[in-house]
Amino acid sequence: MLLKQIKDNTDTLVDEIMNRFTKEDLNTITWRNFIRRTRPYEVKFTKVLKGLFKQQEKEVLSNMRKYPHPNREAQIDTYMEVLKQNWLSDWLFAEMMWRRRFSNAGKPFIGGVLEDVGQAELTNLVVGIDFDIDSPAVISFQKKFIEKYSKVVNETTLDSLRKTLQAGVTAGESIPELSKRVGKVFDFADKQRSLQIARSETIRAANFGAEEAYIQSGVVKAKEWLTSFDERTCKIGCKELHGRKTGLGKSFGKQGVSADLGYTDGEIPHPPLHVSCRCTLVAVLIE
């Protein structure tokens, strides 16, 4: 009798507290808790990426120093010959090796935040089970997106290096001048790309973990897109997606959305919608 009274009083108190909050208040709390869980992974991942980019820069500059410095009069002809002989590729870093290094470096952060957020969502749903990090869906996601992130990151860096070096070679620049071009590519990677990559991949893994937790819980029927409205809210679709609901495993759709992360039409399963997106998901419970 006493236990039942305590339970009833507790339920009444919880109901009273929850009624004091608007949906916007609860969304703000949800989003802040999400950021608190993902932020540590983002910060550490960013630091690791900065280190990898710095090592890549050293490799490229070292490769460039292996070739003789032409005199000024022969400079243009010599460098055009470099292009004809594909020596430019020898100046660049070994792509496949670096793709493996980026993949290995990203695994602890992508897998870690996925499991952390997944378990937190299950705890919030009070279903009394642990997050299954070894489920086929989780294993498939990690394999697919860790490889994809590494591939895209390195291809983007190589493309930037090729374009700027080809421009410098065509202009007849010296090795020191070309080295400055390389420095600019990696300076951008250090100051901007590292954080953008870390945030995007962390948010992607975290939101997959949240949705997978909804599926594993058995008490969630749908997911809802939650956008944080502040001075940093993007203008390319997140506002339009806020509050949109769809079934678990389904796409949110691209109506009114201009995504830039390679999704095909109708393929937006969860945030991020774009680089540095900070959106998350909310569970829609079975009634």
C-alpha atoms as a PDB file:
ATOM      1  CA  MET A   1       0.000   0.000   0.000  1.00  0.00           C
ATOM      2  CA  LEU A   2       2.799   2.385   0.936  1.00  0.00           C
ATOM      3  CA  LEU A   3       4.754   1.566  -2.229  1.00  0.00           C
ATOM      4  CA  LYS A   4       1.689   2.200  -4.396  1.00  0.00           C
ATOM      5  CA  GLN A   5       1.124   5.559  -2.716  1.00  0.00           C
ATOM      6  CA  ILE A   6       4.758   6.540  -3.251  1.00  0.00           C
ATOM      7  CA  LYS A   7       4.511   5.538  -6.927  1.00  0.00           C
ATOM      8  CA  ASP A   8       1.286   7.495  -7.421  1.00  0.00           C
ATOM      9  CA  ASN A   9       2.770  10.568  -5.743  1.00  0.00           C
ATOM     10  CA  THR A  10       5.897  10.290  -7.871  1.00  0.00           C
ATOM     11  CA  ASP A  11       3.885   9.980 -11.080  1.00  0.00           C
ATOM     12  CA  THR A  12       1.817  13.010 -10.099  1.00  0.00           C
ATOM     13  CA  LEU A  13       4.942  15.042  -9.369  1.00  0.00           C
ATOM     14  CA  VAL A  14       6.519  14.072 -12.689  1.00  0.00           C
ATOM     15  CA  ASP A  15       3.331  15.008 -14.546  1.00  0.00           C
ATOM     16  CA  GLU A  16       3.230  18.397 -12.820  1.00  0.00           C
ATOM     17  CA  ILE A  17       6.866  19.099 -13.693  1.00  0.00           C
ATOM     18  CA  MET A  18       6.448  18.039 -17.324  1.00  0.00           C
ATOM     19  CA  ASN A  19       3.334  20.181 -17.719  1.00  0.00           C
ATOM     20  CA  ARG A  20       5.357  23.256 -16.817  1.00  0.00           C
ATOM     21  CA  PHE A  21       7.504  22.766 -19.904  1.00  0.00           C
ATOM     22  CA  THR A  22       6.411  23.629 -23.430  1.00  0.00           C
ATOM     23  CA  LYS A  23       7.444  21.411 -26.330  1.00  0.00           C
ATOM     24  CA  GLU A  24      10.030  24.046 -27.255  1.00  0.00           C
ATOM     25  CA  ASP A  25      11.522  23.817 -23.750  1.00  0.00           C
ATOM     26  CA  LEU A  26      11.760  20.037 -24.002  1.00  0.00           C
ATOM     27  CA  ASN A  27      13.300  20.275 -27.471  1.00  0.00           C
ATOM     28  CA  THR A  28      15.923  22.684 -26.156  1.00  0.00           C
ATOM     29  CA  ILE A  29      16.783  20.295 -23.327  1.00  0.00           C
ATOM     30  CA  THR A  30      16.970  17.379 -25.776  1.00  0.00           C
ATOM     31  CA  TRP A  31      19.261  19.263 -28.145  1.00  0.00           C
ATOM     32  CA  ARG A  32      21.559  20.487 -25.356  1.00  0.00           C
ATOM     33  CA  ASN A  33      21.902  16.981 -23.941  1.00  0.00           C
ATOM     34  CA  PHE A  34      22.701  15.720 -27.433  1.00  0.00           C
ATOM     35  CA  ILE A  35      25.452  18.315 -27.859  1.00  0.00           C
ATOM     36  CA  ARG A  36      26.892  17.520 -24.420  1.00  0.00           C
ATOM     37  CA  ARG A  37      27.250  13.889 -25.439  1.00  0.00           C
ATOM     38  CA  THR A  38      28.708  14.545 -28.904  1.00  0.00           C
ATOM     39  CA  ARG A  39      30.947  17.531 -28.183  1.00  0.00           C
ATOM     40  CA  PRO A  40      33.808  15.599 -26.475  1.00  0.00           C
ATOM     41  CA  TYR A  41      34.071  13.256 -29.473  1.00  0.00           C
ATOM     42  CA  GLU A  42      34.021  16.192 -31.875  1.00  0.00           C
ATOM     43  CA  VAL A  43      36.829  18.003 -30.044  1.00  0.00           C
ATOM     44  CA  LYS A  44      39.101  14.948 -29.830  1.00  0.00           C
ATOM     45  CA  PHE A  45      38.379  13.925 -33.423  1.00  0.00           C
ATOM     46  CA  THR A  46      39.227  17.441 -34.623  1.00  0.00           C
ATOM     47  CA  LYS A  47      42.597  17.297 -32.866  1.00  0.00           C
ATOM     48  CA  VAL A  48      43.425  13.938 -34.461  1.00  0.00           C
ATOM     49  CA  LEU A  49      42.442  15.199 -37.927  1.00  0.00           C
ATOM     50  CA  LYS A  50      44.666  18.251 -37.525  1.00  0.00           C
ATOM     51  CA  GLY A  51      47.567  15.940 -36.765  1.00  0.00           C
ATOM     52  CA  LEU A  52      46.883  13.789 -39.818  1.00  0.00           C
ATOM     53  CA  PHE A  53      46.698  16.789 -42.124  1.00  0.00           C
ATOM     54  CA  LYS A  54      49.982  18.110 -40.712  1.00  0.00           C
ATOM     55  CA  GLN A  55      51.656  14.771 -41.477  1.00  0.00           C
ATOM     56  CA  GLN A  56      50.232  14.811 -44.998  1.00  0.00           C
ATOM     57  CA  GLU A  57      51.659  18.288 -45.559  1.00  0.00           C
ATOM     58  CA  LYS A  58      55.115  17.118 -44.476  1.00  0.00           C
ATOM     59  CA  GLU A  59      54.901  14.169 -46.865  1.00  0.00           C
ATOM     60  CA  VAL A  60      53.959  16.361 -49.837  1.00  0.00           C
ATOM     61  CA  LEU A  61      56.682  18.920 -49.133  1.00  0.00           C
ATOM     62  CA  SER A  62      59.218  16.129 -48.715  1.00  0.00           C
ATOM     63  CA  ASN A  63      58.173  14.623 -52.046  1.00  0.00           C
ATOM     64  CA  MET A  64      58.575  17.987 -53.760  1.00  0.00           C
ATOM     65  CA  ARG A  65      62.124  18.374 -52.433  1.00  0.00           C
ATOM     66  CA  LYS A  66      63.174  15.087 -54.035  1.00  0.00           C
ATOM     67  CA  TYR A  67      63.174  16.690 -57.496  1.00  0.00           C
ATOM     68  CA  PRO A  68      65.840  19.114 -58.769  1.00  0.00           C
ATOM     69  CA  HIS A  69      65.156  22.835 -58.681  1.00  0.00           C
ATOM     70  CA  PRO A  70      65.255  24.186 -62.280  1.00  0.00           C
ATOM     71  CA  ASN A  71      66.904  27.500 -63.091  1.00  0.00           C
ATOM     72  CA  ARG A  72      64.662  30.455 -63.801  1.00  0.00           C
ATOM     73  CA  GLU A  73      65.162  30.424 -67.572  1.00  0.00           C
ATOM     74  CA  ALA A  74      64.231  26.753 -67.885  1.00  0.00           C
ATOM     75  CA  GLN A  75      61.526  26.905 -65.274  1.00  0.00           C
ATOM     76  CA  ILE A  76      58.376  26.873 -67.378  1.00  0.00           C
ATOM     77  CA  ASP A  77      59.561  24.226 -69.838  1.00  0.00           C
ATOM     78  CA  THR A  78      60.872  22.039 -67.039  1.00  0.00           C
ATOM     79  CA  TYR A  79      57.660  22.177 -65.040  1.00  0.00           C
ATOM     80  CA  MET A  80      55.521  21.568 -68.092  1.00  0.00           C
ATOM     81  CA  GLU A  81      57.658  18.500 -68.659  1.00  0.00           C
ATOM     82  CA  VAL A  82      56.920  17.532 -65.070  1.00  0.00           C
ATOM     83  CA  LEU A  83      53.222  17.583 -65.860  1.00  0.00           C
ATOM     84  CA  LYS A  84      53.712  15.578 -69.065  1.00  0.00           C
ATOM     85  CA  GLN A  85      55.630  12.902 -67.197  1.00  0.00           C
ATOM     86  CA  ASN A  86      53.043  12.835 -64.401  1.00  0.00           C
ATOM     87  CA  TRP A  87      55.659  13.784 -61.817  1.00  0.00           C
ATOM     88  CA  LEU A  88      52.962  15.837 -60.113  1.00  0.00           C
ATOM     89  CA  SER A  89      51.422  12.618 -58.834  1.00  0.00           C
ATOM     90  CA  ASP A  90      54.762  11.722 -57.264  1.00  0.00           C
ATOM     91  CA  TRP A  91      54.675  14.966 -55.290  1.00  0.00           C
ATOM     92  CA  LEU A  92      51.331  14.068 -53.731  1.00  0.00           C
ATOM     93  CA  PHE A  93      50.693  11.743 -50.802  1.00  0.00           C
ATOM     94  CA  ALA A  94      49.929   8.023 -51.184  1.00  0.00           C
ATOM     95  CA  GLU A  95      46.130   8.042 -51.285  1.00  0.00           C
ATOM     96  CA  MET A  96      45.325   4.455 -50.309  1.00  0.00           C
ATOM     97  CA  MET A  97      47.697   4.480 -47.348  1.00  0.00           C
ATOM     98  CA  TRP A  98      46.198   7.727 -46.072  1.00  0.00           C
ATOM     99  CA  ARG A  99      42.666   6.479 -46.562  1.00  0.00           C
ATOM    100  CA  ARG A 100      43.506   3.588 -44.250  1.00  0.00           C
ATOM    101  CA  ARG A 101      45.066   5.952 -41.714  1.00  0.00           C
ATOM    102  CA  PHE A 102      42.058   8.261 -41.697  1.00  0.00           C
ATOM    103  CA  SER A 103      39.701   5.278 -41.402  1.00  0.00           C
ATOM    104  CA  ASN A 104      41.617   3.834 -38.449  1.00  0.00           C
ATOM    105  CA  ALA A 105      41.805   7.244 -36.776  1.00  0.00           C
ATOM    106  CA  GLY A 106      38.070   7.830 -37.162  1.00  0.00           C
ATOM    107  CA  LYS A 107      36.848   4.464 -35.875  1.00  0.00           C
ATOM    108  CA  PRO A 108      37.113   5.189 -32.122  1.00  0.00           C
ATOM    109  CA  PHE A 109      35.197   8.456 -32.437  1.00  0.00           C
ATOM    110  CA  ILE A 110      32.522   7.340 -34.886  1.00  0.00           C
ATOM    111  CA  GLY A 111      31.955   4.040 -33.094  1.00  0.00           C
ATOM    112  CA  GLY A 112      32.253   5.615 -29.666  1.00  0.00           C
ATOM    113  CA  VAL A 113      29.702   8.395 -30.116  1.00  0.00           C
ATOM    114  CA  LEU A 114      27.327   5.996 -31.885  1.00  0.00           C
ATOM    115  CA  GLU A 115      27.314   3.644 -28.901  1.00  0.00           C
ATOM    116  CA  ASP A 116      27.242   6.452 -26.329  1.00  0.00           C
ATOM    117  CA  VAL A 117      24.223   8.181 -27.846  1.00  0.00           C
ATOM    118  CA  GLY A 118      22.483   4.865 -28.553  1.00  0.00           C
ATOM    119  CA  GLN A 119      22.787   3.777 -24.934  1.00  0.00           C
ATOM    120  CA  ALA A 120      21.703   7.200 -23.660  1.00  0.00           C
ATOM    121  CA  GLU A 121      18.552   7.063 -25.786  1.00  0.00           C
ATOM    122  CA  LEU A 122      17.673   3.595 -24.489  1.00  0.00           C
ATOM    123  CA  THR A 123      18.225   4.803 -20.926  1.00  0.00           C
ATOM    124  CA  ASN A 124      15.903   7.766 -21.535  1.00  0.00           C
ATOM    125  CA  LEU A 125      13.248   5.419 -22.936  1.00  0.00           C
ATOM    126  CA  VAL A 126      13.453   3.292 -19.759  1.00  0.00           C
ATOM    127  CA  VAL A 127      13.198  -0.042 -21.566  1.00  0.00           C
ATOM    128  CA  GLY A 128      15.782  -1.868 -19.462  1.00  0.00           C
ATOM    129  CA  ILE A 129      18.064  -3.076 -22.260  1.00  0.00           C
ATOM    130  CA  ASP A 130      21.608  -2.264 -23.362  1.00  0.00           C
ATOM    131  CA  PHE A 131      22.450  -0.867 -26.784  1.00  0.00           C
ATOM    132  CA  ASP A 132      23.539  -3.646 -29.162  1.00  0.00           C
ATOM    133  CA  ILE A 133      26.729  -2.289 -30.737  1.00  0.00           C
ATOM    134  CA  ASP A 134      27.191  -5.603 -32.584  1.00  0.00           C
ATOM    135  CA  SER A 135      23.868  -5.549 -34.432  1.00  0.00           C
ATOM    136  CA  PRO A 136      24.169  -6.040 -38.233  1.00  0.00           C
ATOM    137  CA  ALA A 137      22.812  -2.541 -38.847  1.00  0.00           C
ATOM    138  CA  VAL A 138      25.447  -0.920 -36.623  1.00  0.00           C
ATOM    139  CA  ILE A 139      28.299  -2.950 -38.117  1.00  0.00           C
ATOM    140  CA  SER A 140      27.128  -2.145 -41.661  1.00  0.00           C
ATOM    141  CA  PHE A 141      26.814   1.574 -40.909  1.00  0.00           C
ATOM    142  CA  GLN A 142      30.298   1.833 -39.426  1.00  0.00           C
ATOM    143  CA  LYS A 143      31.926  -0.035 -42.296  1.00  0.00           C
ATOM    144  CA  LYS A 144      30.144   1.995 -44.954  1.00  0.00           C
ATOM    145  CA  PHE A 145      30.521   5.483 -43.528  1.00  0.00           C
ATOM    146  CA  ILE A 146      34.017   5.184 -42.074  1.00  0.00           C
ATOM    147  CA  GLU A 147      35.284   4.153 -45.489  1.00  0.00           C
ATOM    148  CA  LYS A 148      33.211   6.843 -47.215  1.00  0.00           C
ATOM    149  CA  TYR A 149      34.390   9.660 -44.932  1.00  0.00           C
ATOM    150  CA  SER A 150      38.035   8.674 -45.415  1.00  0.00           C
ATOM    151  CA  LYS A 151      37.654   8.414 -49.188  1.00  0.00           C
ATOM    152  CA  VAL A 152      35.925  11.778 -49.559  1.00  0.00           C
ATOM    153  CA  VAL A 153      38.330  13.600 -47.226  1.00  0.00           C
ATOM    154  CA  ASN A 154      41.432  12.409 -49.052  1.00  0.00           C
ATOM    155  CA  GLU A 155      39.990  12.882 -52.525  1.00  0.00           C
ATOM    156  CA  THR A 156      39.062  16.462 -51.618  1.00  0.00           C
ATOM    157  CA  THR A 157      42.575  17.193 -50.357  1.00  0.00           C
ATOM    158  CA  LEU A 158      44.214  15.656 -53.441  1.00  0.00           C
ATOM    159  CA  ASP A 159      41.900  17.588 -55.761  1.00  0.00           C
ATOM    160  CA  SER A 160      42.785  20.869 -54.034  1.00  0.00           C
ATOM    161  CA  LEU A 161      46.506  20.102 -54.229  1.00  0.00           C
ATOM    162  CA  ARG A 162      46.377  19.136 -57.903  1.00  0.00           C
ATOM    163  CA  LYS A 163      44.481  22.277 -58.893  1.00  0.00           C
ATOM    164  CA  THR A 164      46.721  24.692 -57.017  1.00  0.00           C
ATOM    165  CA  LEU A 165      49.976  22.986 -58.058  1.00  0.00           C
ATOM    166  CA  GLN A 166      48.923  22.822 -61.691  1.00  0.00           C
ATOM    167  CA  ALA A 167      48.112  26.536 -61.562  1.00  0.00           C
ATOM    168  CA  GLY A 168      51.497  27.263 -60.009  1.00  0.00           C
ATOM    169  CA  VAL A 169      53.365  25.085 -62.487  1.00  0.00           C
ATOM    170  CA  THR A 170      51.595  26.755 -65.405  1.00  0.00           C
ATOM    171  CA  ALA A 171      52.594  30.148 -63.986  1.00  0.00           C
ATOM    172  CA  GLY A 172      56.224  29.018 -63.792  1.00  0.00           C
ATOM    173  CA  GLU A 173      56.511  29.223 -60.011  1.00  0.00           C
ATOM    174  CA  SER A 174      59.524  27.949 -58.106  1.00  0.00           C
ATOM    175  CA  ILE A 175      59.529  25.123 -55.578  1.00  0.00           C
ATOM    176  CA  PRO A 176      59.366  27.587 -52.635  1.00  0.00           C
ATOM    177  CA  GLU A 177      56.395  29.311 -54.264  1.00  0.00           C
ATOM    178  CA  LEU A 178      54.674  26.000 -54.937  1.00  0.00           C
ATOM    179  CA  SER A 179      55.363  24.978 -51.348  1.00  0.00           C
ATOM    180  CA  LYS A 180      53.451  28.034 -50.165  1.00  0.00           C
ATOM    181  CA  ARG A 181      50.481  26.869 -52.221  1.00  0.00           C
ATOM    182  CA  VAL A 182      50.643  23.504 -50.477  1.00  0.00           C
ATOM    183  CA  GLY A 183      50.815  25.314 -47.138  1.00  0.00           C
ATOM    184  CA  LYS A 184      47.607  27.200 -47.902  1.00  0.00           C
ATOM    185  CA  VAL A 185      45.732  23.972 -48.678  1.00  0.00           C
ATOM    186  CA  PHE A 186      46.719  22.455 -45.342  1.00  0.00           C
ATOM    187  CA  ASP A 187      46.276  25.696 -43.435  1.00  0.00           C
ATOM    188  CA  PHE A 188      42.615  25.635 -44.514  1.00  0.00           C
ATOM    189  CA  ALA A 189      42.438  21.988 -43.465  1.00  0.00           C
ATOM    190  CA  ASP A 190      43.832  22.875 -40.049  1.00  0.00           C
ATOM    191  CA  LYS A 191      41.680  25.937 -39.404  1.00  0.00           C
ATOM    192  CA  GLN A 192      38.364  24.884 -40.944  1.00  0.00           C
ATOM    193  CA  ARG A 193      38.110  21.452 -42.549  1.00  0.00           C
ATOM    194  CA  SER A 194      39.202  19.451 -39.489  1.00  0.00           C
ATOM    195  CA  LEU A 195      36.368  20.814 -37.357  1.00  0.00           C
ATOM    196  CA  GLN A 196      33.835  20.573 -40.172  1.00  0.00           C
ATOM    197  CA  ILE A 197      34.717  16.939 -40.845  1.00  0.00           C
ATOM    198  CA  ALA A 198      34.754  15.983 -37.177  1.00  0.00           C
ATOM    199  CA  ARG A 199      31.409  17.662 -36.483  1.00  0.00           C
ATOM    200  CA  SER A 200      29.672  16.222 -39.543  1.00  0.00           C
ATOM    201  CA  GLU A 201      30.843  12.651 -38.964  1.00  0.00           C
ATOM    202  CA  THR A 202      30.194  12.816 -35.218  1.00  0.00           C
ATOM    203  CA  ILE A 203      26.653  14.110 -35.752  1.00  0.00           C
ATOM    204  CA  ARG A 204      26.011  11.502 -38.449  1.00  0.00           C
ATOM    205  CA  ALA A 205      27.114   8.607 -36.219  1.00  0.00           C
ATOM    206  CA  ALA A 206      25.289   9.987 -33.165  1.00  0.00           C
ATOM    207  CA  ASN A 207      21.984  10.341 -34.986  1.00  0.00           C
ATOM    208  CA  PHE A 208      22.309   6.887 -36.496  1.00  0.00           C
ATOM    209  CA  GLY A 209      22.902   5.617 -32.961  1.00  0.00           C
ATOM    210  CA  ALA A 210      19.780   7.412 -31.747  1.00  0.00           C
ATOM    211  CA  GLU A 211      17.596   5.939 -34.497  1.00  0.00           C
ATOM    212  CA  GLU A 212      19.050   2.460 -34.008  1.00  0.00           C
ATOM    213  CA  ALA A 213      18.227   2.776 -30.300  1.00  0.00           C
ATOM    214  CA  TYR A 214      14.643   3.669 -31.201  1.00  0.00           C
ATOM    215  CA  ILE A 215      14.450   0.516 -33.334  1.00  0.00           C
ATOM    216  CA  GLN A 216      15.999  -1.682 -30.641  1.00  0.00           C
ATOM    217  CA  SER A 217      13.703  -0.271 -27.949  1.00  0.00           C
ATOM    218  CA  GLY A 218      10.456  -1.516 -29.466  1.00  0.00           C
ATOM    219  CA  VAL A 219       8.527   1.437 -28.016  1.00  0.00           C
ATOM    220  CA  VAL A 220       9.185   4.059 -30.713  1.00  0.00           C
ATOM    221  CA  LYS A 221       7.046   4.296 -33.847  1.00  0.00           C
ATOM    222  CA  ALA A 222       8.679   7.244 -35.640  1.00  0.00           C
ATOM    223  CA  LYS A 223      11.387   9.895 -35.515  1.00  0.00           C
ATOM    224  CA  GLU A 224      11.130  13.686 -35.595  1.00  0.00           C
ATOM    225  CA  TRP A 225      13.719  16.140 -36.941  1.00  0.00           C
ATOM    226  CA  LEU A 226      14.891  18.637 -34.322  1.00  0.00           C
ATOM    227  CA  THR A 227      16.599  21.838 -35.443  1.00  0.00           C
ATOM    228  CA  SER A 228      18.261  24.217 -33.013  1.00  0.00           C
ATOM    229  CA  PHE A 229      17.079  27.745 -33.730  1.00  0.00           C
ATOM    230  CA  ASP A 230      19.806  30.278 -33.013  1.00  0.00           C
ATOM    231  CA  GLU A 231      22.116  32.648 -34.903  1.00  0.00           C
ATOM    232  CA  ARG A 232      23.981  29.658 -36.381  1.00  0.00           C
ATOM    233  CA  THR A 233      20.956  27.846 -37.825  1.00  0.00           C
ATOM    234  CA  CYS A 234      21.575  27.067 -41.492  1.00  0.00           C
ATOM    235  CA  LYS A 235      19.485  28.464 -44.300  1.00  0.00           C
ATOM    236  CA  ILE A 236      19.606  25.489 -46.696  1.00  0.00           C
ATOM    237  CA  GLY A 237      16.910  23.208 -45.356  1.00  0.00           C
ATOM    238  CA  CYS A 238      17.168  22.558 -41.609  1.00  0.00           C
ATOM    239  CA  LYS A 239      14.412  25.080 -40.867  1.00  0.00           C
ATOM    240  CA  GLU A 240      12.122  23.321 -43.333  1.00  0.00           C
ATOM    241  CA  LEU A 241      12.848  19.921 -41.799  1.00  0.00           C
ATOM    242  CA  HIS A 242      12.232  20.991 -38.188  1.00  0.00           C
ATOM    243  CA  GLY A 243       9.315  19.076 -36.740  1.00  0.00           C
ATOM    244  CA  ARG A 244       8.981  16.803 -39.769  1.00  0.00           C
ATOM    245  CA  LYS A 245       8.198  13.198 -38.793  1.00  0.00           C
ATOM    246  CA  THR A 246       8.819   9.936 -40.605  1.00  0.00           C
ATOM    247  CA  GLY A 247       8.946   6.235 -39.836  1.00  0.00           C
ATOM    248  CA  LEU A 248      12.013   4.497 -38.472  1.00  0.00           C
ATOM    249  CA  GLY A 249      14.365   3.546 -41.279  1.00  0.00           C
ATOM    250  CA  LYS A 250      12.587   5.986 -43.619  1.00  0.00           C
ATOM    251  CA  SER A 251      13.767   9.174 -45.318  1.00  0.00           C
ATOM    252  CA  PHE A 252      12.654  12.649 -44.281  1.00  0.00           C
ATOM    253  CA  GLY A 253      12.413  13.647 -47.948  1.00  0.00           C
ATOM    254  CA  LYS A 254      14.031  16.553 -49.779  1.00  0.00           C
ATOM    255  CA  GLN A 255      11.001  18.762 -50.382  1.00  0.00           C
ATOM    256  CA  GLY A 256      12.229  22.324 -49.939  1.00  0.00           C
ATOM    257  CA  VAL A 257      15.698  21.071 -49.003  1.00  0.00           C
ATOM    258  CA  SER A 258      19.063  21.699 -50.656  1.00  0.00           C
ATOM    259  CA  ALA A 259      21.338  19.070 -49.111  1.00  0.00           C
ATOM    260  CA  ASP A 260      25.031  19.037 -49.966  1.00  0.00           C
ATOM    261  CA  LEU A 261      26.255  15.761 -48.449  1.00  0.00           C
ATOM    262  CA  GLY A 262      25.614  13.500 -51.405  1.00  0.00           C
ATOM    263  CA  TYR A 263      22.128  12.272 -50.561  1.00  0.00           C
ATOM    264  CA  THR A 264      19.984  11.281 -53.505  1.00  0.00           C
ATOM    265  CA  ASP A 265      16.421  12.559 -53.765  1.00  0.00           C
ATOM    266  CA  GLY A 266      14.407  11.133 -50.906  1.00  0.00           C
ATOM    267  CA  GLU A 267      17.477   9.832 -49.064  1.00  0.00           C
ATOM    268  CA  ILE A 268      17.820  11.846 -45.862  1.00  0.00           C
ATOM    269  CA  PRO A 269      17.572   9.280 -43.062  1.00  0.00           C
ATOM    270  CA  HIS A 270      18.814  11.572 -40.297  1.00  0.00           C
ATOM    271  CA  PRO A 271      21.091  14.585 -39.687  1.00  0.00           C
ATOM    272  CA  PRO A 272      23.527  15.925 -40.744  1.00  0.00           C
ATOM    273  CA  LEU A 273      21.892  17.605 -43.693  1.00  0.00           C
ATOM    274  CA  HIS A 274      25.043  19.560 -44.550  1.00  0.00           C
ATOM    275  CA  VAL A 275      28.584  20.237 -43.353  1.00  0.00           C
ATOM    276  CA  SER A 276      28.656  21.233 -39.649  1.00  0.00           C
ATOM    277  CA  CYS A 277      24.927  20.517 -39.241  1.00  0.00           C
ATOM    278  CA  ARG A 278      23.914  20.398 -35.544  1.00  0.00           C
ATOM    279  CA  CYS A 279      20.428  18.888 -35.881  1.00  0.00           C
ATOM    280  CA  THR A 280      19.269  15.794 -34.034  1.00  0.00           C
ATOM    281  CA  LEU A 281      16.294  13.432 -33.677  1.00  0.00           C
ATOM    282  CA  VAL A 282      13.422  13.071 -31.226  1.00  0.00           C
ATOM    283  CA  ALA A 283      11.612   9.794 -30.588  1.00  0.00           C
ATOM    284  CA  VAL A 284       7.890   9.577 -31.338  1.00  0.00           C
ATOM    285  CA  LEU A 285       6.528   6.936 -28.972  1.00  0.00           C
ATOM    286  CA  ILE A 286       3.955   4.245 -29.619  1.00  0.00           C
ATOM    287  CA  GLU A 287       0.767   5.273 -27.826  1.00  0.00           C
END
